[in-house]
C-alpha atoms as a PDB file:
ATOM      1  CA  MET A   1      31.786   2.294  22.168  1.00  0.00           C
ATOM      2  CA  THR A   2      31.195  -1.019  20.345  1.00  0.00           C
ATOM      3  CA  THR A   3      27.654  -1.421  19.416  1.00  0.00           C
ATOM      4  CA  SER A   4      25.612  -2.394  16.328  1.00  0.00           C
ATOM      5  CA  THR A   5      22.778  -0.209  17.302  1.00  0.00           C
ATOM      6  CA  GLN A   6      22.675   3.497  16.257  1.00  0.00           C
ATOM      7  CA  GLU A   7      22.811   5.862  19.286  1.00  0.00           C
ATOM      8  CA  PHE A   8      22.276   9.487  19.593  1.00  0.00           C
ATOM      9  CA  ALA A   9      22.968  12.565  21.836  1.00  0.00           C
ATOM     10  CA  VAL A  10      19.959  14.928  22.130  1.00  0.00           C
ATOM     11  CA  ILE A  11      18.915  18.252  23.763  1.00  0.00           C
ATOM     12  CA  MET A  12      15.357  18.583  24.756  1.00  0.00           C
ATOM     13  CA  ALA A  13      13.081  21.605  25.701  1.00  0.00           C
ATOM     14  CA  PRO A  14       9.319  21.898  26.545  1.00  0.00           C
ATOM     15  CA  ALA A  15       7.265  21.335  23.442  1.00  0.00           C
ATOM     16  CA  ASP A  16       5.482  24.717  22.618  1.00  0.00           C
ATOM     17  CA  GLN A  17       4.599  23.876  19.031  1.00  0.00           C
ATOM     18  CA  GLU A  18       3.733  21.131  16.697  1.00  0.00           C
ATOM     19  CA  TRP A  19       6.918  19.166  15.629  1.00  0.00           C
ATOM     20  CA  TRP A  20       8.293  16.017  14.296  1.00  0.00           C
ATOM     21  CA  TRP A  21      11.395  14.119  14.518  1.00  0.00           C
ATOM     22  CA  TYR A  22      12.785  10.998  12.479  1.00  0.00           C
ATOM     23  CA  TRP A  23      15.916   8.997  12.101  1.00  0.00           C
ATOM     24  CA  GLY A  24      17.199   6.349   9.726  1.00  0.00           C
ATOM     25  CA  GLN A  25      15.838   8.151   6.894  1.00  0.00           C
ATOM     26  CA  THR A  26      17.229   8.289   3.292  1.00  0.00           C
ATOM     27  CA  ALA A  27      17.204  11.744   1.685  1.00  0.00           C
ATOM     28  CA  GLU A  28      14.191  10.775  -0.520  1.00  0.00           C
ATOM     29  CA  GLN A  29      12.291   9.722   2.592  1.00  0.00           C
ATOM     30  CA  VAL A  30      13.092  13.050   4.358  1.00  0.00           C
ATOM     31  CA  GLY A  31      11.663  14.813   1.236  1.00  0.00           C
ATOM     32  CA  GLN A  32       8.527  12.678   1.473  1.00  0.00           C
ATOM     33  CA  LEU A  33       7.988  13.425   5.203  1.00  0.00           C
ATOM     34  CA  LEU A  34       8.486  17.081   4.577  1.00  0.00           C
ATOM     35  CA  THR A  35       5.759  17.122   2.033  1.00  0.00           C
ATOM     36  CA  GLN A  36       3.555  14.914   4.209  1.00  0.00           C
ATOM     37  CA  ASN A  37       3.864  17.202   7.265  1.00  0.00           C
ATOM     38  CA  LYS A  38       3.860  20.356   5.338  1.00  0.00           C
ATOM     39  CA  ALA A  39       7.009  21.073   7.308  1.00  0.00           C
ATOM     40  CA  MET A  40      10.528  22.620   7.262  1.00  0.00           C
ATOM     41  CA  LEU A  41      13.665  21.136   8.721  1.00  0.00           C
ATOM     42  CA  THR A  42      14.953  22.701  11.848  1.00  0.00           C
ATOM     43  CA  ASP A  43      17.861  20.444  12.256  1.00  0.00           C
ATOM     44  CA  ILE A  44      19.453  17.671  10.187  1.00  0.00           C
ATOM     45  CA  SER A  45      22.238  15.306  11.045  1.00  0.00           C
ATOM     46  CA  PRO A  46      23.768  12.916   8.384  1.00  0.00           C
ATOM     47  CA  TYR A  47      25.441   9.745   9.479  1.00  0.00           C
ATOM     48  CA  ILE A  48      26.637   6.361   8.193  1.00  0.00           C
ATOM     49  CA  ASP A  49      24.344   3.631   9.664  1.00  0.00           C
ATOM     50  CA  VAL A  50      25.373   0.168  10.830  1.00  0.00           C
ATOM     51  CA  ASN A  51      24.753  -0.918   7.226  1.00  0.00           C
ATOM     52  CA  ASN A  52      27.204   1.492   5.854  1.00  0.00           C
ATOM     53  CA  THR A  53      24.368   3.592   4.264  1.00  0.00           C
ATOM     54  CA  LEU A  54      24.020   7.252   4.430  1.00  0.00           C
ATOM     55  CA  LYS A  55      21.031   8.174   6.589  1.00  0.00           C
ATOM     56  CA  PHE A  56      19.509  11.343   8.084  1.00  0.00           C
ATOM     57  CA  ALA A  57      18.191  12.128  11.549  1.00  0.00           C
ATOM     58  CA  VAL A  58      15.994  15.260  11.264  1.00  0.00           C
ATOM     59  CA  ILE A  59      13.733  17.633  13.297  1.00  0.00           C
ATOM     60  CA  MET A  60      10.857  19.309  11.528  1.00  0.00           C
ATOM     61  CA  ALA A  61       8.392  21.940  12.354  1.00  0.00           C
ATOM     62  CA  PRO A  62       5.504  23.494  10.420  1.00  0.00           C
ATOM     63  CA  ALA A  63       6.717  25.543   7.546  1.00  0.00           C
ATOM     64  CA  ASN A  64       6.049  29.222   8.369  1.00  0.00           C
ATOM     65  CA  HIS A  65       8.325  30.921   5.839  1.00  0.00           C
ATOM     66  CA  GLU A  66      10.143  30.226   2.560  1.00  0.00           C
ATOM     67  CA  TRP A  67      13.057  27.826   2.902  1.00  0.00           C
ATOM     68  CA  TRP A  68      15.169  25.391   1.024  1.00  0.00           C
ATOM     69  CA  TRP A  69      17.120  22.274   1.751  1.00  0.00           C
ATOM     70  CA  TYR A  70      19.816  20.343  -0.224  1.00  0.00           C
ATOM     71  CA  TRP A  71      22.413  17.580   0.419  1.00  0.00           C
ATOM     72  CA  GLY A  72      25.331  16.115  -1.335  1.00  0.00           C
ATOM     73  CA  GLN A  73      26.448  19.586  -2.459  1.00  0.00           C
ATOM     74  CA  THR A  74      30.009  20.779  -3.141  1.00  0.00           C
ATOM     75  CA  ALA A  75      31.098  24.175  -1.705  1.00  0.00           C
ATOM     76  CA  GLU A  76      30.818  25.715  -5.184  1.00  0.00           C
ATOM     77  CA  GLN A  77      27.205  24.264  -5.661  1.00  0.00           C
ATOM     78  CA  VAL A  78      26.258  25.746  -2.231  1.00  0.00           C
ATOM     79  CA  GLY A  79      27.447  29.173  -3.277  1.00  0.00           C
ATOM     80  CA  GLN A  80      25.490  28.880  -6.530  1.00  0.00           C
ATOM     81  CA  ARG A  81      22.325  27.731  -4.586  1.00  0.00           C
ATOM     82  CA  LEU A  82      22.537  30.809  -2.163  1.00  0.00           C
ATOM     83  CA  GLN A  83      22.903  33.240  -5.173  1.00  0.00           C
ATOM     84  CA  ALA A  84      19.850  31.625  -7.074  1.00  0.00           C
ATOM     85  CA  ASN A  85      17.583  31.706  -4.004  1.00  0.00           C
ATOM     86  CA  HIS A  86      18.869  35.061  -2.606  1.00  0.00           C
ATOM     87  CA  ALA A  87      19.221  33.199   0.606  1.00  0.00           C
ATOM     88  CA  ARG A  88      21.489  32.752   3.585  1.00  0.00           C
ATOM     89  CA  LEU A  89      22.616  29.602   5.455  1.00  0.00           C
ATOM     90  CA  THR A  90      20.948  28.514   8.630  1.00  0.00           C
ATOM     91  CA  THR A  91      22.698  25.218   8.974  1.00  0.00           C
ATOM     92  CA  LEU A  92      25.745  23.767   7.312  1.00  0.00           C
ATOM     93  CA  THR A  93      26.803  20.178   8.059  1.00  0.00           C
ATOM     94  CA  PRO A  94      29.557  18.140   6.247  1.00  0.00           C
ATOM     95  CA  LEU A  95      28.396  14.714   4.863  1.00  0.00           C
ATOM     96  CA  PRO A  96      30.137  11.934   6.749  1.00  0.00           C
ATOM     97  CA  THR A  97      32.419   9.485   4.634  1.00  0.00           C
ATOM     98  CA  ILE A  98      33.612   6.033   5.324  1.00  0.00           C
ATOM     99  CA  PRO A  99      37.416   6.047   5.234  1.00  0.00           C
ATOM    100  CA  SER A 100      39.261   3.796   2.957  1.00  0.00           C
ATOM    101  CA  TYR A 101      42.688   2.100   3.776  1.00  0.00           C
ATOM    102  CA  THR A 102      45.523   0.372   2.217  1.00  0.00           C
ATOM    103  CA  PHE A 103      46.557  -2.862   4.013  1.00  0.00           C
ATOM    104  CA  SER A 104      50.054  -4.046   3.112  1.00  0.00           C
ATOM    105  CA  LEU A 105      52.280  -6.912   3.976  1.00  0.00           C
ATOM    106  CA  ASP A 106      55.536  -5.071   3.368  1.00  0.00           C
ATOM    107  CA  SER A 107      58.469  -7.402   4.044  1.00  0.00           C
ATOM    108  CA  PHE A 108      59.883  -9.966   6.479  1.00  0.00           C
ATOM    109  CA  GLU A 109      63.233 -10.634   7.974  1.00  0.00           C
ATOM    110  CA  ILE A 110      64.709 -14.187   8.591  1.00  0.00           C
ATOM    111  CA  ARG A 111      66.902 -14.205  11.535  1.00  0.00           C
ATOM    112  CA  ASN A 112      67.051 -18.001  11.540  1.00  0.00           C
ATOM    113  CA  THR A 113      65.547 -20.601   8.970  1.00  0.00           C
ATOM    114  CA  ARG A 114      63.447 -23.522   9.812  1.00  0.00           C
ATOM    115  CA  SER A 115      65.341 -25.850   7.399  1.00  0.00           C
ATOM    116  CA  ARG A 116      69.108 -26.434   7.759  1.00  0.00           C
ATOM    117  CA  HIS A 117      70.049 -24.193   4.941  1.00  0.00           C
ATOM    118  CA  VAL A 118      67.244 -22.433   3.131  1.00  0.00           C
ATOM    119  CA  ASP A 119      63.346 -22.221   3.628  1.00  0.00           C
ATOM    120  CA  THR A 120      61.006 -22.311   0.498  1.00  0.00           C
ATOM    121  CA  ASP A 121      58.618 -19.744   1.726  1.00  0.00           C
ATOM    122  CA  TYR A 122      54.944 -18.839   0.751  1.00  0.00           C
ATOM    123  CA  VAL A 123      53.119 -15.918   2.177  1.00  0.00           C
ATOM    124  CA  THR A 124      49.265 -15.498   2.559  1.00  0.00           C
ATOM    125  CA  PHE A 125      47.770 -12.231   3.486  1.00  0.00           C
ATOM    126  CA  ALA A 126      44.052 -11.778   4.390  1.00  0.00           C
ATOM    127  CA  VAL A 127      41.868  -8.814   5.295  1.00  0.00           C
ATOM    128  CA  THR A 128      38.230  -9.241   6.330  1.00  0.00           C
ATOM    129  CA  VAL A 129      35.891  -6.321   6.959  1.00  0.00           C
ATOM    130  CA  GLY A 130      32.825  -6.939   9.243  1.00  0.00           C
ATOM    131  CA  THR A 131      30.942 -10.096   8.267  1.00  0.00           C
ATOM    132  CA  GLY A 132      32.287  -9.895   4.690  1.00  0.00           C
ATOM    133  CA  GLN A 133      34.318 -12.396   2.819  1.00  0.00           C
ATOM    134  CA  PRO A 134      38.092 -12.414   3.472  1.00  0.00           C
ATOM    135  CA  ARG A 135      40.184 -10.985   0.714  1.00  0.00           C
ATOM    136  CA  THR A 136      43.280 -13.077   0.403  1.00  0.00           C
ATOM    137  CA  GLN A 137      46.409 -12.991  -1.566  1.00  0.00           C
ATOM    138  CA  THR A 138      49.279 -15.596  -1.664  1.00  0.00           C
ATOM    139  CA  LYS A 139      52.801 -15.126  -2.982  1.00  0.00           C
ATOM    140  CA  SER A 140      55.741 -17.585  -3.481  1.00  0.00           C
ATOM    141  CA  MET A 141      58.923 -16.180  -2.308  1.00  0.00           C
ATOM    142  CA  GLY A 142      61.243 -18.897  -3.360  1.00  0.00           C
ATOM    143  CA  ASP A 143      64.250 -20.335  -1.537  1.00  0.00           C
ATOM    144  CA  LEU A 144      65.529 -17.929   1.094  1.00  0.00           C
ATOM    145  CA  ASN A 145      68.316 -17.888   3.767  1.00  0.00           C
ATOM    146  CA  ASN A 146      68.672 -15.101   6.455  1.00  0.00           C
ATOM    147  CA  GLY A 147      68.131 -11.517   5.326  1.00  0.00           C
ATOM    148  CA  VAL A 148      65.253  -9.178   4.615  1.00  0.00           C
ATOM    149  CA  PHE A 149      62.807  -9.722   1.853  1.00  0.00           C
ATOM    150  CA  SER A 150      60.199  -7.528   0.212  1.00  0.00           C
ATOM    151  CA  VAL A 151      56.708  -9.055  -0.093  1.00  0.00           C
ATOM    152  CA  GLY A 152      54.582  -6.322  -1.408  1.00  0.00           C
ATOM    153  CA  LEU A 153      51.027  -8.018  -0.962  1.00  0.00           C
ATOM    154  CA  THR A 154      48.659  -5.085  -0.888  1.00  0.00           C
ATOM    155  CA  PHE A 155      44.703  -4.569  -0.512  1.00  0.00           C
ATOM    156  CA  GLU A 156      43.797  -1.047  -1.604  1.00  0.00           C
ATOM    157  CA  ASP A 157      40.561   1.004  -1.226  1.00  0.00           C
ATOM    158  CA  VAL A 158      39.265  -1.165   1.691  1.00  0.00           C
ATOM    159  CA  ALA A 159      36.382   0.902   3.251  1.00  0.00           C
ATOM    160  CA  VAL A 160      35.986   0.360   7.027  1.00  0.00           C
ATOM    161  CA  ALA A 161      33.227   2.256   8.952  1.00  0.00           C
ATOM    162  CA  ALA A 162      33.546   3.420  12.362  1.00  0.00           C
ATOM    163  CA  HIS A 163      31.479   0.560  14.010  1.00  0.00           C
ATOM    164  CA  GLU A 164      33.087  -2.233  11.894  1.00  0.00           C
ATOM    165  CA  PRO A 165      35.769  -4.720  12.934  1.00  0.00           C
ATOM    166  CA  VAL A 166      38.559  -5.384  10.349  1.00  0.00           C
ATOM    167  CA  ILE A 167      40.779  -8.575  10.896  1.00  0.00           C
ATOM    168  CA  VAL A 168      44.351  -8.672   9.381  1.00  0.00           C
ATOM    169  CA  THR A 169      45.658 -12.208   9.074  1.00  0.00           C
ATOM    170  CA  TYR A 170      48.997 -13.515   7.728  1.00  0.00           C
ATOM    171  CA  LEU A 171      50.595 -16.826   7.509  1.00  0.00           C
ATOM    172  CA  ILE A 172      54.043 -17.820   6.237  1.00  0.00           C
ATOM    173  CA  MET A 173      54.950 -21.462   5.362  1.00  0.00           C
ATOM    174  CA  ASN A 174      58.101 -23.172   4.548  1.00  0.00           C
ATOM    175  CA  SER A 175      56.989 -25.775   2.009  1.00  0.00           C
ATOM    176  CA  GLY A 176      59.676 -27.114  -0.296  1.00  0.00           C
ATOM    177  CA  HIS A 177      58.160 -30.683  -1.067  1.00  0.00           C
ATOM    178  CA  GLN A 178      54.672 -29.744  -2.583  1.00  0.00           C
ATOM    179  CA  SER A 179      53.805 -28.112  -5.868  1.00  0.00           C
ATOM    180  CA  GLN A 180      53.248 -24.425  -5.848  1.00  0.00           C
ATOM    181  CA  ALA A 181      49.673 -24.684  -6.989  1.00  0.00           C
ATOM    182  CA  GLU A 182      49.018 -27.146  -4.126  1.00  0.00           C
ATOM    183  CA  THR A 183      50.730 -25.145  -1.439  1.00  0.00           C
ATOM    184  CA  GLU A 184      49.060 -21.834  -2.432  1.00  0.00           C
ATOM    185  CA  ALA A 185      45.632 -23.498  -2.515  1.00  0.00           C
ATOM    186  CA  THR A 186      46.090 -24.979   0.884  1.00  0.00           C
ATOM    187  CA  LEU A 187      47.437 -21.662   2.431  1.00  0.00           C
ATOM    188  CA  GLU A 188      44.415 -19.728   1.044  1.00  0.00           C
ATOM    189  CA  ASN A 189      42.014 -22.183   2.542  1.00  0.00           C
ATOM    190  CA  VAL A 190      43.870 -21.922   6.007  1.00  0.00           C
ATOM    191  CA  ALA A 191      43.925 -18.185   5.797  1.00  0.00           C
ATOM    192  CA  LYS A 192      40.205 -17.923   5.053  1.00  0.00           C
ATOM    193  CA  GLN A 193      39.480 -20.334   8.169  1.00  0.00           C
ATOM    194  CA  LEU A 194      41.507 -18.133  10.441  1.00  0.00           C
ATOM    195  CA  ALA A 195      39.944 -15.062   9.018  1.00  0.00           C
ATOM    196  CA  ASP A 196      36.393 -16.391   9.338  1.00  0.00           C
ATOM    197  CA  ALA A 197      37.112 -17.151  12.995  1.00  0.00           C
ATOM    198  CA  GLY A 198      38.520 -13.833  13.669  1.00  0.00           C
ATOM    199  CA  ALA A 199      35.460 -12.120  12.139  1.00  0.00           C
ATOM    200  CA  LYS A 200      32.878 -14.215  14.009  1.00  0.00           C
ATOM    201  CA  ALA A 201      34.870 -13.539  17.468  1.00  0.00           C
ATOM    202  CA  ALA A 202      34.740  -9.623  16.570  1.00  0.00           C
ATOM    203  CA  ALA A 203      31.112  -9.749  15.751  1.00  0.00           C
ATOM    204  CA  THR A 204      30.355 -11.640  18.957  1.00  0.00           C
ATOM    205  CA  ALA A 205      32.301  -9.107  21.003  1.00  0.00           C
ATOM    206  CA  ILE A 206      30.427  -6.170  19.394  1.00  0.00           C
ATOM    207  CA  ALA A 207      27.045  -7.674  19.827  1.00  0.00           C
ATOM    208  CA  SER A 208      27.659  -8.355  23.443  1.00  0.00           C
ATOM    209  CA  GLY A 209      28.991  -4.759  24.105  1.00  0.00           C
ATOM    210  CA  VAL A 210      32.526  -5.735  24.868  1.00  0.00           C
ATOM    211  CA  GLY A 211      34.784  -2.739  24.820  1.00  0.00           C
ATOM    212  CA  THR A 212      37.818  -4.338  23.241  1.00  0.00           C
ATOM    213  CA  LEU A 213      38.047  -7.055  20.650  1.00  0.00           C
ATOM    214  CA  VAL A 214      39.024 -10.576  22.002  1.00  0.00           C
ATOM    215  CA  GLY A 215      40.982 -13.398  20.381  1.00  0.00           C
ATOM    216  CA  ALA A 216      39.297 -15.802  17.950  1.00  0.00           C
ATOM    217  CA  THR A 217      38.698 -19.437  18.936  1.00  0.00           C
ATOM    218  CA  ILE A 218      39.758 -21.894  16.364  1.00  0.00           C
ATOM    219  CA  GLY A 219      40.323 -25.564  16.875  1.00  0.00           C
ATOM    220  CA  GLY A 220      39.783 -25.072  20.560  1.00  0.00           C
ATOM    221  CA  VAL A 221      42.681 -22.631  20.707  1.00  0.00           C
ATOM    222  CA  VAL A 222      42.316 -18.825  21.432  1.00  0.00           C
ATOM    223  CA  VAL A 223      44.341 -17.030  18.919  1.00  0.00           C
ATOM    224  CA  PRO A 224      46.034 -13.987  20.730  1.00  0.00           C
ATOM    225  CA  VAL A 225      44.752 -10.564  19.610  1.00  0.00           C
ATOM    226  CA  VAL A 226      48.360  -8.935  19.950  1.00  0.00           C
ATOM    227  CA  GLY A 227      51.578 -10.410  18.628  1.00  0.00           C
ATOM    228  CA  ALA A 228      52.463 -13.596  16.868  1.00  0.00           C
ATOM    229  CA  ALA A 229      49.978 -16.489  16.926  1.00  0.00           C
ATOM    230  CA  LEU A 230      52.191 -19.165  15.708  1.00  0.00           C
ATOM    231  CA  GLY A 231      52.761 -20.791  19.037  1.00  0.00           C
ATOM    232  CA  ALA A 232      48.999 -20.923  19.799  1.00  0.00           C
ATOM    233  CA  LEU A 233      48.110 -22.225  16.336  1.00  0.00           C
ATOM    234  CA  ALA A 234      50.711 -24.818  16.025  1.00  0.00           C
ATOM    235  CA  GLY A 235      48.520 -27.843  17.083  1.00  0.00           C
ATOM    236  CA  TRP A 236      45.617 -26.758  14.935  1.00  0.00           C
ATOM    237  CA  LEU A 237      47.858 -26.220  11.941  1.00  0.00           C
ATOM    238  CA  VAL A 238      49.383 -29.526  12.185  1.00  0.00           C
ATOM    239  CA  SER A 239      46.015 -31.331  12.523  1.00  0.00           C
ATOM    240  CA  THR A 240      44.570 -29.235   9.537  1.00  0.00           C
ATOM    241  CA  LEU A 241      47.308 -29.505   7.276  1.00  0.00           C
ATOM    242  CA  GLY A 242      48.675 -32.915   8.292  1.00  0.00           C
ATOM    243  CA  GLY A 243      51.113 -34.377   5.752  1.00  0.00           C
ATOM    244  CA  ILE A 244      50.125 -31.989   2.993  1.00  0.00           C
ATOM    245  CA  ILE A 245      52.514 -29.458   4.236  1.00  0.00           C
ATOM    246  CA  PHE A 246      54.519 -30.838   7.093  1.00  0.00           C
ATOM    247  CA  ALA A 247      56.883 -33.039   5.223  1.00  0.00           C
ATOM    248  CA  ASP A 248      60.697 -33.227   6.403  1.00  0.00           C
ATOM    249  CA  CYS A 249      61.555 -29.560   7.576  1.00  0.00           C
ATOM    250  CA  ASP A 250      58.462 -28.002   6.096  1.00  0.00           C
ATOM    251  CA  GLY A 251      56.077 -26.096   8.408  1.00  0.00           C
ATOM    252  CA  PRO A 252      54.682 -22.690   9.380  1.00  0.00           C
ATOM    253  CA  VAL A 253      57.279 -19.965  10.309  1.00  0.00           C
ATOM    254  CA  ALA A 254      55.025 -17.066  11.028  1.00  0.00           C
ATOM    255  CA  ALA A 255      51.375 -16.376  11.827  1.00  0.00           C
ATOM    256  CA  GLN A 256      49.358 -13.423  13.148  1.00  0.00           C
ATOM    257  CA  GLN A 257      45.908 -12.212  13.366  1.00  0.00           C
ATOM    258  CA  THR A 258      44.959  -8.671  14.599  1.00  0.00           C
ATOM    259  CA  PRO A 259      41.528  -7.125  14.847  1.00  0.00           C
ATOM    260  CA  PHE A 260      40.749  -3.475  14.793  1.00  0.00           C
ATOM    261  CA  LEU A 261      37.634  -1.464  15.163  1.00  0.00           C
ATOM    262  CA  GLY A 262      37.059   1.196  12.497  1.00  0.00           C
ATOM    263  CA  ARG A 263      37.051   4.021  14.895  1.00  0.00           C
ATOM    264  CA  ALA A 264      40.254   2.906  16.488  1.00  0.00           C
ATOM    265  CA  LEU A 265      41.844   2.263  13.101  1.00  0.00           C
ATOM    266  CA  ARG A 266      40.956   5.845  12.015  1.00  0.00           C
ATOM    267  CA  SER A 267      42.599   7.356  15.115  1.00  0.00           C
ATOM    268  CA  ARG A 268      45.741   5.169  14.834  1.00  0.00           C
ATOM    269  CA  THR A 269      46.286   6.371  11.151  1.00  0.00           C
ATOM    270  CA  VAL A 270      45.509  10.094  11.508  1.00  0.00           C
ATOM    271  CA  SER A 271      49.241  11.100  11.641  1.00  0.00           C
ATOM    272  CA  GLY A 272      50.409   8.575   8.929  1.00  0.00           C
ATOM    273  CA  PRO A 273      50.560   4.949   8.218  1.00  0.00           C
ATOM    274  CA  LEU A 274      50.332   2.434  11.119  1.00  0.00           C
ATOM    275  CA  ARG A 275      53.417   0.158  10.932  1.00  0.00           C
ATOM    276  CA  ILE A 276      53.669  -2.995  12.844  1.00  0.00           C
ATOM    277  CA  SER A 277      56.559  -5.403  13.194  1.00  0.00           C
ATOM    278  CA  THR A 278      56.050  -8.729  14.762  1.00  0.00           C
ATOM    279  CA  ASP A 279      58.593 -11.292  15.968  1.00  0.00           C
ATOM    280  CA  ASN A 280      57.511 -14.787  15.193  1.00  0.00           C
ATOM    281  CA  PRO A 281      59.633 -17.235  17.324  1.00  0.00           C
ATOM    282  CA  GLY A 282      59.399 -20.628  15.502  1.00  0.00           C
ATOM    283  CA  ILE A 283      57.783 -23.906  16.787  1.00  0.00           C
ATOM    284  CA  ASP A 284      59.970 -26.963  17.105  1.00  0.00           C
ATOM    285  CA  SER A 285      61.320 -28.380  13.963  1.00  0.00           C
ATOM    286  CA  PRO A 286      62.072 -32.206  13.256  1.00  0.00           C
ATOM    287  CA  ALA A 287      65.366 -33.543  14.220  1.00  0.00           C
ATOM    288  CA  GLY A 288      67.948 -33.027  11.503  1.00  0.00           C
ATOM    289  CA  CYS A 289      66.483 -29.636  10.444  1.00  0.00           C
ATOM    290  CA  GLY A 290      67.980 -26.251  11.552  1.00  0.00           C
ATOM    291  CA  SER A 291      67.161 -24.890  14.816  1.00  0.00           C
ATOM    292  CA  ASN A 292      63.792 -23.202  15.355  1.00  0.00           C
ATOM    293  CA  SER A 293      62.944 -20.521  12.956  1.00  0.00           C
ATOM    294  CA  ASP A 294      62.818 -16.765  13.637  1.00  0.00           C
ATOM    295  CA  TYR A 295      60.897 -14.501  11.411  1.00  0.00           C
ATOM    296  CA  ILE A 296      60.123 -10.705  11.912  1.00  0.00           C
ATOM    297  CA  VAL A 297      57.154  -9.659   9.705  1.00  0.00           C
ATOM    298  CA  ASN A 298      56.544  -6.014   8.787  1.00  0.00           C
ATOM    299  CA  TRP A 299      53.066  -4.779   7.776  1.00  0.00           C
ATOM    300  CA  SER A 300      51.309  -1.596   7.527  1.00  0.00           C
ATOM    301  CA  ILE A 301      47.868   0.223   7.222  1.00  0.00           C
ATOM    302  CA  THR A 302      47.634   3.581   5.432  1.00  0.00           C
ATOM    303  CA  ARG A 303      44.453   5.771   5.354  1.00  0.00           C
ATOM    304  CA  GLU A 304      43.767   6.822   1.804  1.00  0.00           C
END
């Protein structure tokens, strides 16, 4: 399910006594309601709401015997409370957590360069969670010929709730005619534009109840959800970057944008890291350059 509204599964029975129910309550608010109603809890369900905040859904009834409630307790603390109160447990519910992930652009393989001999490559990697700002990193890889090259761009401790989309974007550019500072600044800006477009597409899909995330539209082009996006983005990249990057044999050699929903990401990383390798067939290079480039990019997502 892809919805921004909290939903519940419930069981009902005929009302034969006074009772109350509430949802979207903090622990402090639950305590205030218990005091206000002179009540005791008969059921409590903690959950992470759409704003990534711990909330409780509770059922209360008039307090007719001694009782206690606690939250945020370790197993050791629960045992201590039981001893102190000479009590037994009537309900025990683990608190939900928001899983965190490490996103890594691990390496790429050049099967064919865009330039005649070597490509001067820069890699930009971006991760966007929900409607937050994209996190970006850029790395100069130097002059490279065919082979496999370690990148090692990593975002650690990225929390993604079950209902949230996360957008993974990368862009690799051959740019041997501009300064490193200028090239890196340009690529960071382009990556942020791509990431923002992907985040907006994901938010639209979720708001409309679409069951799967669809491609982002940028510059009138729909960026594919699965696989390389270089071919689809070629025209937009040329118009956006113009002569800044595309001098002589310079140009993009790999690009991809992939969305995940938090719940799907959690299931796909339950048995270990999710590892993805994508072949990026190159776009046409100018006359006098090498034949079209071919890069395979390897990236991964690990649940912490």
